[in-house]
Amino acid sequence: MVYMIRALILVGLIFSFSGTSLAAGLPKRIQAEYSVTKDGMAFADVRETFVVTGNTYKVESETKGIGVYALLGVRKLVSTGKVTRTGLKPIHFELHQGKNPKKALFADFDWPKNTLRMQVKGESREAPLTAGTQDLASFAYQFMYLPKPLAKDVIVKLTTGKKLNTYEYRNDEASSMLNVAGKSYKAVHLAPKNTDKNQVETKELWLAADQHYLLLRFLMVDEHGARLEQTLTKLHVE
């Protein structure tokens, strides 16, 4: 009987440790600011907050346009969910563009039924939900929880609120130093694998290997050739 009790205690300790091991030493609060340019010209400013409370998280992101782009209204992203052994597990995501309710997007992650439910202009859409799927607000913080060093091939599955996309990246592995926000960071570059020859839009990411793999720089080239670049300008980690 005593042996069984000890065994049960030991099993409990093992599961307790394994459930928190990935989160051990990781930030509980992150405040980041980014500048965004479009074809080299000032486009917008982004302010984000990532907070972990117990086994839950919340990401809030706010983008304000500069100059004429301010007329587009403030873009707000909110993601809430759980922190698990494999990282962030979104439960609810929403996007608001200005004060126009017709532009609002909502996504609910039904993990028990493996179904992603999206609301677009009042219409419901569904897509199969697989492990590791993120949203536009949470995906950049999920890199903190992935095994290190990052794998040679990195797959990012995320919802924009309208649909579910899968992006395949190649980890260049050869880290370089990137100077942003008044500091030099060891950066890991994730470049698109371009497995789809018909894909005209590309996205690239630079992550801080020496700062929990947080996003340093993001570059997107759209189907028309326009370059949107987001660069870190301020970072506070607790």
C-alpha atoms as a PDB file:
ATOM      1  CA  MET A   1       0.000   0.000   0.000  1.00  0.00           C
ATOM      2  CA  VAL A   2       2.805   2.416   0.950  1.00  0.00           C
ATOM      3  CA  TYR A   3       4.596   1.516  -2.298  1.00  0.00           C
ATOM      4  CA  MET A   4       1.466   2.314  -4.324  1.00  0.00           C
ATOM      5  CA  ILE A   5       1.045   5.694  -2.619  1.00  0.00           C
ATOM      6  CA  ARG A   6       4.670   6.595  -3.310  1.00  0.00           C
ATOM      7  CA  ALA A   7       4.293   5.493  -6.934  1.00  0.00           C
ATOM      8  CA  LEU A   8       1.215   7.659  -7.372  1.00  0.00           C
ATOM      9  CA  ILE A   9       3.010  10.660  -5.849  1.00  0.00           C
ATOM     10  CA  LEU A  10       5.973  10.099  -8.170  1.00  0.00           C
ATOM     11  CA  VAL A  11       3.721   9.883 -11.239  1.00  0.00           C
ATOM     12  CA  GLY A  12       1.974  13.078 -10.167  1.00  0.00           C
ATOM     13  CA  LEU A  13       5.300  14.886  -9.839  1.00  0.00           C
ATOM     14  CA  ILE A  14       6.417  13.687 -13.276  1.00  0.00           C
ATOM     15  CA  PHE A  15       3.256  14.930 -14.962  1.00  0.00           C
ATOM     16  CA  SER A  16       3.368  18.188 -13.023  1.00  0.00           C
ATOM     17  CA  PHE A  17       6.936  18.802 -14.167  1.00  0.00           C
ATOM     18  CA  SER A  18       6.284  17.861 -17.783  1.00  0.00           C
ATOM     19  CA  GLY A  19       3.331  20.221 -17.898  1.00  0.00           C
ATOM     20  CA  THR A  20       5.420  23.215 -16.897  1.00  0.00           C
ATOM     21  CA  SER A  21       8.844  22.390 -18.319  1.00  0.00           C
ATOM     22  CA  LEU A  22       8.338  24.243 -21.610  1.00  0.00           C
ATOM     23  CA  ALA A  23       7.096  27.363 -19.796  1.00  0.00           C
ATOM     24  CA  ALA A  24       9.883  27.344 -17.198  1.00  0.00           C
ATOM     25  CA  GLY A  25      11.982  30.474 -17.489  1.00  0.00           C
ATOM     26  CA  LEU A  26       9.839  31.951 -20.252  1.00  0.00           C
ATOM     27  CA  PRO A  27       8.428  35.499 -20.005  1.00  0.00           C
ATOM     28  CA  LYS A  28       5.110  36.131 -18.294  1.00  0.00           C
ATOM     29  CA  ARG A  29       4.680  39.578 -19.787  1.00  0.00           C
ATOM     30  CA  ILE A  30       6.004  41.075 -23.018  1.00  0.00           C
ATOM     31  CA  GLN A  31       5.476  44.581 -24.352  1.00  0.00           C
ATOM     32  CA  ALA A  32       6.699  45.178 -27.892  1.00  0.00           C
ATOM     33  CA  GLU A  33       6.486  48.029 -30.349  1.00  0.00           C
ATOM     34  CA  TYR A  34       7.142  47.906 -34.084  1.00  0.00           C
ATOM     35  CA  SER A  35       7.377  50.355 -36.951  1.00  0.00           C
ATOM     36  CA  VAL A  36       5.865  49.351 -40.281  1.00  0.00           C
ATOM     37  CA  THR A  37       6.919  50.659 -43.670  1.00  0.00           C
ATOM     38  CA  LYS A  38       5.351  50.170 -47.077  1.00  0.00           C
ATOM     39  CA  ASP A  39       7.831  50.285 -49.930  1.00  0.00           C
ATOM     40  CA  GLY A  40      10.231  52.085 -47.597  1.00  0.00           C
ATOM     41  CA  MET A  41       7.760  54.786 -46.493  1.00  0.00           C
ATOM     42  CA  ALA A  42       6.277  55.104 -42.986  1.00  0.00           C
ATOM     43  CA  PHE A  43       3.011  53.182 -42.884  1.00  0.00           C
ATOM     44  CA  ALA A  44       1.999  52.336 -39.298  1.00  0.00           C
ATOM     45  CA  ASP A  45       3.025  51.774 -35.680  1.00  0.00           C
ATOM     46  CA  VAL A  46       2.234  48.567 -33.793  1.00  0.00           C
ATOM     47  CA  ARG A  47       1.967  48.062 -30.036  1.00  0.00           C
ATOM     48  CA  GLU A  48       1.550  44.585 -28.575  1.00  0.00           C
ATOM     49  CA  THR A  49       1.142  43.050 -25.132  1.00  0.00           C
ATOM     50  CA  PHE A  50       1.520  39.359 -24.324  1.00  0.00           C
ATOM     51  CA  VAL A  51       0.510  38.272 -20.805  1.00  0.00           C
ATOM     52  CA  VAL A  52       0.520  34.829 -19.173  1.00  0.00           C
ATOM     53  CA  THR A  53      -1.655  34.330 -16.087  1.00  0.00           C
ATOM     54  CA  GLY A  54      -1.514  30.855 -14.622  1.00  0.00           C
ATOM     55  CA  ASN A  55      -2.123  28.508 -17.550  1.00  0.00           C
ATOM     56  CA  THR A  56      -3.848  31.110 -19.745  1.00  0.00           C
ATOM     57  CA  TYR A  57      -2.531  33.798 -22.072  1.00  0.00           C
ATOM     58  CA  LYS A  58      -3.783  36.946 -23.771  1.00  0.00           C
ATOM     59  CA  VAL A  59      -2.316  38.843 -26.713  1.00  0.00           C
ATOM     60  CA  GLU A  60      -3.482  42.332 -27.611  1.00  0.00           C
ATOM     61  CA  SER A  61      -2.147  44.083 -30.713  1.00  0.00           C
ATOM     62  CA  GLU A  62      -2.995  47.572 -31.936  1.00  0.00           C
ATOM     63  CA  THR A  63      -1.899  49.052 -35.260  1.00  0.00           C
ATOM     64  CA  LYS A  64      -2.287  52.758 -36.007  1.00  0.00           C
ATOM     65  CA  GLY A  65      -1.702  54.098 -39.490  1.00  0.00           C
ATOM     66  CA  ILE A  66       0.579  57.075 -40.160  1.00  0.00           C
ATOM     67  CA  GLY A  67      -0.483  60.046 -42.271  1.00  0.00           C
ATOM     68  CA  VAL A  68      -3.133  59.209 -44.822  1.00  0.00           C
ATOM     69  CA  TYR A  69      -3.083  55.573 -43.643  1.00  0.00           C
ATOM     70  CA  ALA A  70      -4.578  56.712 -40.331  1.00  0.00           C
ATOM     71  CA  LEU A  71      -7.874  57.030 -42.226  1.00  0.00           C
ATOM     72  CA  LEU A  72      -8.041  53.240 -42.332  1.00  0.00           C
ATOM     73  CA  GLY A  73      -8.761  53.244 -38.599  1.00  0.00           C
ATOM     74  CA  VAL A  74      -7.073  51.407 -35.745  1.00  0.00           C
ATOM     75  CA  ARG A  75      -6.579  47.680 -36.321  1.00  0.00           C
ATOM     76  CA  LYS A  76      -7.000  45.644 -33.141  1.00  0.00           C
ATOM     77  CA  LEU A  77      -6.213  41.957 -32.666  1.00  0.00           C
ATOM     78  CA  VAL A  78      -7.038  39.942 -29.550  1.00  0.00           C
ATOM     79  CA  SER A  79      -6.157  36.301 -28.887  1.00  0.00           C
ATOM     80  CA  THR A  80      -6.941  34.368 -25.713  1.00  0.00           C
ATOM     81  CA  GLY A  81      -6.283  30.757 -24.845  1.00  0.00           C
ATOM     82  CA  LYS A  82      -4.298  28.290 -22.780  1.00  0.00           C
ATOM     83  CA  VAL A  83      -0.590  27.658 -22.240  1.00  0.00           C
ATOM     84  CA  THR A  84       0.117  23.935 -22.587  1.00  0.00           C
ATOM     85  CA  ARG A  85       3.132  21.613 -22.734  1.00  0.00           C
ATOM     86  CA  THR A  86       3.346  22.267 -26.474  1.00  0.00           C
ATOM     87  CA  GLY A  87       2.835  26.006 -26.224  1.00  0.00           C
ATOM     88  CA  LEU A  88      -0.073  28.305 -26.941  1.00  0.00           C
ATOM     89  CA  LYS A  89      -3.501  26.831 -27.605  1.00  0.00           C
ATOM     90  CA  PRO A  90      -5.842  29.590 -28.820  1.00  0.00           C
ATOM     91  CA  ILE A  91      -9.487  29.503 -27.806  1.00  0.00           C
ATOM     92  CA  HIS A  92     -10.805  32.783 -29.232  1.00  0.00           C
ATOM     93  CA  PHE A  93      -9.504  35.342 -31.739  1.00  0.00           C
ATOM     94  CA  GLU A  94     -10.971  38.573 -33.004  1.00  0.00           C
ATOM     95  CA  LEU A  95      -9.937  41.342 -35.386  1.00  0.00           C
ATOM     96  CA  HIS A  96     -11.419  44.841 -35.542  1.00  0.00           C
ATOM     97  CA  GLN A  97     -10.623  47.391 -38.244  1.00  0.00           C
ATOM     98  CA  GLY A  98     -11.650  50.895 -37.230  1.00  0.00           C
ATOM     99  CA  LYS A  99     -15.251  51.294 -36.096  1.00  0.00           C
ATOM    100  CA  ASN A 100     -16.775  49.358 -38.961  1.00  0.00           C
ATOM    101  CA  PRO A 101     -18.477  46.256 -37.487  1.00  0.00           C
ATOM    102  CA  LYS A 102     -18.696  44.709 -40.959  1.00  0.00           C
ATOM    103  CA  LYS A 103     -14.913  44.392 -41.013  1.00  0.00           C
ATOM    104  CA  ALA A 104     -14.755  42.561 -37.690  1.00  0.00           C
ATOM    105  CA  LEU A 105     -13.594  38.927 -37.779  1.00  0.00           C
ATOM    106  CA  PHE A 106     -14.034  36.265 -35.110  1.00  0.00           C
ATOM    107  CA  ALA A 107     -12.615  32.772 -34.753  1.00  0.00           C
ATOM    108  CA  ASP A 108     -13.321  30.133 -32.122  1.00  0.00           C
ATOM    109  CA  PHE A 109     -11.130  27.066 -31.699  1.00  0.00           C
ATOM    110  CA  ASP A 110     -13.218  24.000 -30.835  1.00  0.00           C
ATOM    111  CA  TRP A 111     -10.392  21.644 -29.881  1.00  0.00           C
ATOM    112  CA  PRO A 112     -12.596  18.775 -28.622  1.00  0.00           C
ATOM    113  CA  LYS A 113     -14.247  18.617 -32.062  1.00  0.00           C
ATOM    114  CA  ASN A 114     -11.119  19.680 -34.001  1.00  0.00           C
ATOM    115  CA  THR A 115     -13.089  22.428 -35.708  1.00  0.00           C
ATOM    116  CA  LEU A 116     -12.234  26.073 -36.352  1.00  0.00           C
ATOM    117  CA  ARG A 117     -15.333  28.268 -36.505  1.00  0.00           C
ATOM    118  CA  MET A 118     -15.012  31.701 -38.125  1.00  0.00           C
ATOM    119  CA  GLN A 119     -17.461  34.582 -38.398  1.00  0.00           C
ATOM    120  CA  VAL A 120     -17.007  36.782 -41.496  1.00  0.00           C
ATOM    121  CA  LYS A 121     -19.594  39.527 -42.091  1.00  0.00           C
ATOM    122  CA  GLY A 122     -22.087  37.567 -40.052  1.00  0.00           C
ATOM    123  CA  GLU A 123     -21.544  34.387 -42.032  1.00  0.00           C
ATOM    124  CA  SER A 124     -20.163  31.213 -40.456  1.00  0.00           C
ATOM    125  CA  ARG A 125     -17.235  29.298 -41.896  1.00  0.00           C
ATOM    126  CA  GLU A 126     -15.600  26.117 -40.658  1.00  0.00           C
ATOM    127  CA  ALA A 127     -12.248  24.444 -41.230  1.00  0.00           C
ATOM    128  CA  PRO A 128     -10.533  21.326 -39.816  1.00  0.00           C
ATOM    129  CA  LEU A 129      -8.454  22.176 -36.764  1.00  0.00           C
ATOM    130  CA  THR A 130      -5.104  20.462 -36.237  1.00  0.00           C
ATOM    131  CA  ALA A 131      -2.628  20.606 -33.362  1.00  0.00           C
ATOM    132  CA  GLY A 132      -0.431  23.691 -33.267  1.00  0.00           C
ATOM    133  CA  THR A 133      -2.804  25.968 -35.190  1.00  0.00           C
ATOM    134  CA  GLN A 134      -2.444  29.628 -34.212  1.00  0.00           C
ATOM    135  CA  ASP A 135      -4.023  32.968 -35.120  1.00  0.00           C
ATOM    136  CA  LEU A 136      -2.616  36.273 -36.375  1.00  0.00           C
ATOM    137  CA  ALA A 137      -2.021  37.545 -32.839  1.00  0.00           C
ATOM    138  CA  SER A 138      -0.624  34.420 -31.179  1.00  0.00           C
ATOM    139  CA  PHE A 139       1.618  32.859 -33.835  1.00  0.00           C
ATOM    140  CA  ALA A 140       4.627  35.136 -33.241  1.00  0.00           C
ATOM    141  CA  TYR A 141       4.732  34.129 -29.564  1.00  0.00           C
ATOM    142  CA  GLN A 142       4.413  30.400 -30.221  1.00  0.00           C
ATOM    143  CA  PHE A 143       8.065  30.275 -31.351  1.00  0.00           C
ATOM    144  CA  MET A 144       9.067  30.681 -27.683  1.00  0.00           C
ATOM    145  CA  TYR A 145       7.605  27.268 -26.899  1.00  0.00           C
ATOM    146  CA  LEU A 146       8.984  25.253 -29.802  1.00  0.00           C
ATOM    147  CA  PRO A 147      11.916  22.863 -29.142  1.00  0.00           C
ATOM    148  CA  LYS A 148      15.307  24.543 -29.510  1.00  0.00           C
ATOM    149  CA  PRO A 149      17.173  24.844 -31.717  1.00  0.00           C
ATOM    150  CA  LEU A 150      14.379  25.301 -34.229  1.00  0.00           C
ATOM    151  CA  ALA A 151      13.938  22.544 -36.766  1.00  0.00           C
ATOM    152  CA  LYS A 152      15.297  22.898 -40.290  1.00  0.00           C
ATOM    153  CA  ASP A 153      11.734  23.043 -41.608  1.00  0.00           C
ATOM    154  CA  VAL A 154       9.137  25.055 -39.708  1.00  0.00           C
ATOM    155  CA  ILE A 155       5.432  24.834 -40.484  1.00  0.00           C
ATOM    156  CA  VAL A 156       3.107  27.627 -39.340  1.00  0.00           C
ATOM    157  CA  LYS A 157      -0.634  27.022 -39.396  1.00  0.00           C
ATOM    158  CA  LEU A 158      -2.756  30.068 -38.627  1.00  0.00           C
ATOM    159  CA  THR A 159      -6.130  31.614 -39.171  1.00  0.00           C
ATOM    160  CA  THR A 160      -6.546  35.154 -40.427  1.00  0.00           C
ATOM    161  CA  GLY A 161     -10.105  35.122 -39.198  1.00  0.00           C
ATOM    162  CA  LYS A 162     -11.305  34.557 -42.766  1.00  0.00           C
ATOM    163  CA  LYS A 163      -9.552  31.320 -43.589  1.00  0.00           C
ATOM    164  CA  LEU A 164      -6.941  28.853 -42.419  1.00  0.00           C
ATOM    165  CA  ASN A 165      -3.488  29.032 -44.018  1.00  0.00           C
ATOM    166  CA  THR A 166      -0.382  26.866 -43.841  1.00  0.00           C
ATOM    167  CA  TYR A 167       3.077  28.391 -44.345  1.00  0.00           C
ATOM    168  CA  GLU A 168       6.228  26.334 -44.788  1.00  0.00           C
ATOM    169  CA  TYR A 169       9.521  27.939 -43.812  1.00  0.00           C
ATOM    170  CA  ARG A 170      13.151  26.980 -44.153  1.00  0.00           C
ATOM    171  CA  ASN A 171      15.343  27.742 -41.160  1.00  0.00           C
ATOM    172  CA  ASP A 172      18.574  29.198 -42.573  1.00  0.00           C
ATOM    173  CA  GLU A 173      20.263  28.055 -39.336  1.00  0.00           C
ATOM    174  CA  ALA A 174      23.251  30.337 -39.969  1.00  0.00           C
ATOM    175  CA  SER A 175      22.348  33.037 -37.448  1.00  0.00           C
ATOM    176  CA  SER A 176      23.407  36.634 -38.013  1.00  0.00           C
ATOM    177  CA  MET A 177      23.385  39.753 -35.855  1.00  0.00           C
ATOM    178  CA  LEU A 178      20.492  42.151 -36.397  1.00  0.00           C
ATOM    179  CA  ASN A 179      20.519  45.657 -34.935  1.00  0.00           C
ATOM    180  CA  VAL A 180      17.031  46.799 -33.926  1.00  0.00           C
ATOM    181  CA  ALA A 181      15.548  48.810 -31.051  1.00  0.00           C
ATOM    182  CA  GLY A 182      19.013  50.065 -30.093  1.00  0.00           C
ATOM    183  CA  LYS A 183      20.351  46.570 -29.462  1.00  0.00           C
ATOM    184  CA  SER A 184      22.104  43.822 -31.380  1.00  0.00           C
ATOM    185  CA  TYR A 185      20.300  40.470 -31.467  1.00  0.00           C
ATOM    186  CA  LYS A 186      21.343  37.051 -32.709  1.00  0.00           C
ATOM    187  CA  ALA A 187      18.714  36.525 -35.404  1.00  0.00           C
ATOM    188  CA  VAL A 188      17.333  33.336 -36.922  1.00  0.00           C
ATOM    189  CA  HIS A 189      15.934  33.803 -40.414  1.00  0.00           C
ATOM    190  CA  LEU A 190      12.864  31.864 -41.555  1.00  0.00           C
ATOM    191  CA  ALA A 191      12.441  32.054 -45.330  1.00  0.00           C
ATOM    192  CA  PRO A 192       9.522  30.605 -47.326  1.00  0.00           C
ATOM    193  CA  LYS A 193      10.203  27.246 -48.930  1.00  0.00           C
ATOM    194  CA  ASN A 194       8.215  28.288 -52.014  1.00  0.00           C
ATOM    195  CA  THR A 195       7.003  24.762 -52.633  1.00  0.00           C
ATOM    196  CA  ASP A 196       4.004  26.209 -54.477  1.00  0.00           C
ATOM    197  CA  LYS A 197       5.135  27.778 -57.761  1.00  0.00           C
ATOM    198  CA  ASN A 198       1.815  29.600 -58.028  1.00  0.00           C
ATOM    199  CA  GLN A 199       2.332  31.371 -54.717  1.00  0.00           C
ATOM    200  CA  VAL A 200       2.883  35.066 -55.421  1.00  0.00           C
ATOM    201  CA  GLU A 201       2.835  36.379 -51.848  1.00  0.00           C
ATOM    202  CA  THR A 202       5.873  35.741 -49.658  1.00  0.00           C
ATOM    203  CA  LYS A 203       6.566  36.253 -45.970  1.00  0.00           C
ATOM    204  CA  GLU A 204       9.875  36.162 -44.092  1.00  0.00           C
ATOM    205  CA  LEU A 205      10.613  36.321 -40.371  1.00  0.00           C
ATOM    206  CA  TRP A 206      13.642  37.129 -38.236  1.00  0.00           C
ATOM    207  CA  LEU A 207      13.523  35.844 -34.635  1.00  0.00           C
ATOM    208  CA  ALA A 208      15.734  36.729 -31.658  1.00  0.00           C
ATOM    209  CA  ALA A 209      17.545  33.508 -30.757  1.00  0.00           C
ATOM    210  CA  ASP A 210      18.996  35.176 -27.647  1.00  0.00           C
ATOM    211  CA  GLN A 211      15.654  36.651 -26.536  1.00  0.00           C
ATOM    212  CA  HIS A 212      13.164  33.769 -26.458  1.00  0.00           C
ATOM    213  CA  TYR A 213      12.819  33.751 -30.275  1.00  0.00           C
ATOM    214  CA  LEU A 214      10.661  36.862 -30.237  1.00  0.00           C
ATOM    215  CA  LEU A 215       9.859  38.542 -33.536  1.00  0.00           C
ATOM    216  CA  LEU A 216      12.469  41.097 -34.613  1.00  0.00           C
ATOM    217  CA  ARG A 217      11.492  41.704 -38.203  1.00  0.00           C
ATOM    218  CA  PHE A 218       8.758  40.624 -40.581  1.00  0.00           C
ATOM    219  CA  LEU A 219       8.766  41.149 -44.339  1.00  0.00           C
ATOM    220  CA  MET A 220       5.850  40.540 -46.656  1.00  0.00           C
ATOM    221  CA  VAL A 221       5.815  41.018 -50.420  1.00  0.00           C
ATOM    222  CA  ASP A 222       2.270  40.888 -51.746  1.00  0.00           C
ATOM    223  CA  GLU A 223       0.974  39.764 -55.131  1.00  0.00           C
ATOM    224  CA  HIS A 224       1.471  43.267 -56.522  1.00  0.00           C
ATOM    225  CA  GLY A 225       5.074  43.496 -55.387  1.00  0.00           C
ATOM    226  CA  ALA A 226       4.420  45.911 -52.511  1.00  0.00           C
ATOM    227  CA  ARG A 227       6.830  45.434 -49.586  1.00  0.00           C
ATOM    228  CA  LEU A 228       5.494  45.673 -46.049  1.00  0.00           C
ATOM    229  CA  GLU A 229       8.216  45.520 -43.414  1.00  0.00           C
ATOM    230  CA  GLN A 230       7.667  45.402 -39.651  1.00  0.00           C
ATOM    231  CA  THR A 231      10.679  46.084 -37.419  1.00  0.00           C
ATOM    232  CA  LEU A 232      11.042  46.014 -33.634  1.00  0.00           C
ATOM    233  CA  THR A 233      11.570  49.451 -32.056  1.00  0.00           C
ATOM    234  CA  LYS A 234      10.970  48.751 -28.357  1.00  0.00           C
ATOM    235  CA  LEU A 235      10.920  45.631 -26.198  1.00  0.00           C
ATOM    236  CA  HIS A 236      10.199  45.025 -22.516  1.00  0.00           C
ATOM    237  CA  VAL A 237      10.251  41.474 -21.117  1.00  0.00           C
ATOM    238  CA  GLU A 238       9.320  40.311 -17.625  1.00  0.00           C
END
